[in-house]
């Protein structure tokens, strides 16, 4: 996330200095898309955590394992 914000800033600086206009625009666009994707994933994750956190003990564990199958490891 920090690198996406920095690349937007540096892309704007490059556009202001008229240096590498095409690369600056491409960097800004890709950075904005990555921030949007991050926001979507973060909101989805937050919703899943809020949904499963209200369940008691083992039901919460099962809820997390169903939503995140890669997290179900041996205990």
Protein backbone atom coordinates (compact mmCIF):
# COMPACT_ATOMS: atom_id res chain seq x y z
CA UNK A 1 0.00 0.00 0.00
CA UNK A 2 2.81 2.41 0.84
CA UNK A 3 4.57 1.70 -2.44
CA UNK A 4 1.36 2.34 -4.38
CA UNK A 5 0.93 5.72 -2.70
CA UNK A 6 4.57 6.62 -3.29
CA UNK A 7 4.37 5.62 -6.94
CA UNK A 8 1.34 7.87 -7.41
CA UNK A 9 3.28 10.75 -5.88
CA UNK A 10 6.38 10.09 -7.98
CA UNK A 11 4.26 9.65 -11.10
CA UNK A 12 2.66 13.05 -10.51
CA UNK A 13 6.10 14.59 -9.99
CA UNK A 14 7.30 13.04 -13.27
CA UNK A 15 4.23 14.40 -15.07
CA UNK A 16 4.87 17.87 -13.65
CA UNK A 17 8.48 17.76 -14.88
CA UNK A 18 7.43 16.37 -18.28
CA UNK A 19 9.81 13.42 -17.84
CA UNK A 20 8.67 10.01 -19.09
CA UNK A 21 5.02 10.91 -19.52
CA UNK A 22 3.95 7.44 -20.68
CA UNK A 23 5.66 5.59 -17.85
CA UNK A 24 4.38 8.11 -15.31
CA UNK A 25 0.78 7.64 -16.45
CA UNK A 26 1.16 3.86 -16.51
CA UNK A 27 2.59 3.89 -12.98
CA UNK A 28 -0.20 6.08 -11.68
CA UNK A 29 -2.89 3.91 -13.28
CA UNK A 30 -1.41 0.65 -11.99
CA UNK A 31 -0.98 2.13 -8.52
CA UNK A 32 -4.57 3.32 -8.39
CA UNK A 33 -5.78 -0.10 -9.53
CA UNK A 34 -3.69 -1.80 -6.85
CA UNK A 35 -5.12 0.50 -4.16
CA UNK A 36 -8.66 -0.30 -5.35
CA UNK A 37 -7.91 -4.03 -5.28
CA UNK A 38 -6.41 -3.70 -1.79
CA UNK A 39 -9.52 -1.88 -0.57
CA UNK A 40 -11.83 -4.57 -1.98
CA UNK A 41 -9.84 -7.39 -0.36
CA UNK A 42 -9.57 -5.52 2.95
CA UNK A 43 -13.33 -4.87 3.09
CA UNK A 44 -14.09 -8.51 2.22
CA UNK A 45 -11.66 -9.74 4.89
CA UNK A 46 -13.11 -7.37 7.49
CA UNK A 47 -16.66 -8.58 6.73
CA UNK A 48 -15.65 -12.24 7.07
CA UNK A 49 -13.85 -11.60 10.34
CA UNK A 50 -16.83 -9.68 11.75
CA UNK A 51 -19.22 -12.43 10.67
CA UNK A 52 -17.18 -15.27 12.19
CA UNK A 53 -16.08 -13.43 15.32
CA UNK A 54 -19.59 -13.31 16.76
CA UNK A 55 -19.83 -17.12 16.85
CA UNK A 56 -18.81 -19.08 19.94
CA UNK A 57 -15.47 -20.98 20.11
CA UNK A 58 -15.42 -23.97 17.79
CA UNK A 59 -18.10 -22.56 15.51
CA UNK A 60 -15.92 -19.50 14.94
CA UNK A 61 -12.95 -21.74 14.17
CA UNK A 62 -15.03 -23.74 11.70
CA UNK A 63 -16.32 -20.52 10.10
CA UNK A 64 -12.77 -19.24 9.58
CA UNK A 65 -11.63 -22.60 8.18
CA UNK A 66 -14.53 -22.60 5.70
CA UNK A 67 -13.81 -19.06 4.55
CA UNK A 68 -10.01 -19.44 4.55
CA UNK A 69 -9.24 -23.09 3.69
CA UNK A 70 -5.51 -22.42 3.43
CA UNK A 71 -5.44 -21.47 7.13
CA UNK A 72 -6.69 -24.82 8.44
CA UNK A 73 -3.48 -26.42 9.60
CA UNK A 74 -2.71 -29.11 12.10
CA UNK A 75 -2.94 -28.02 15.72
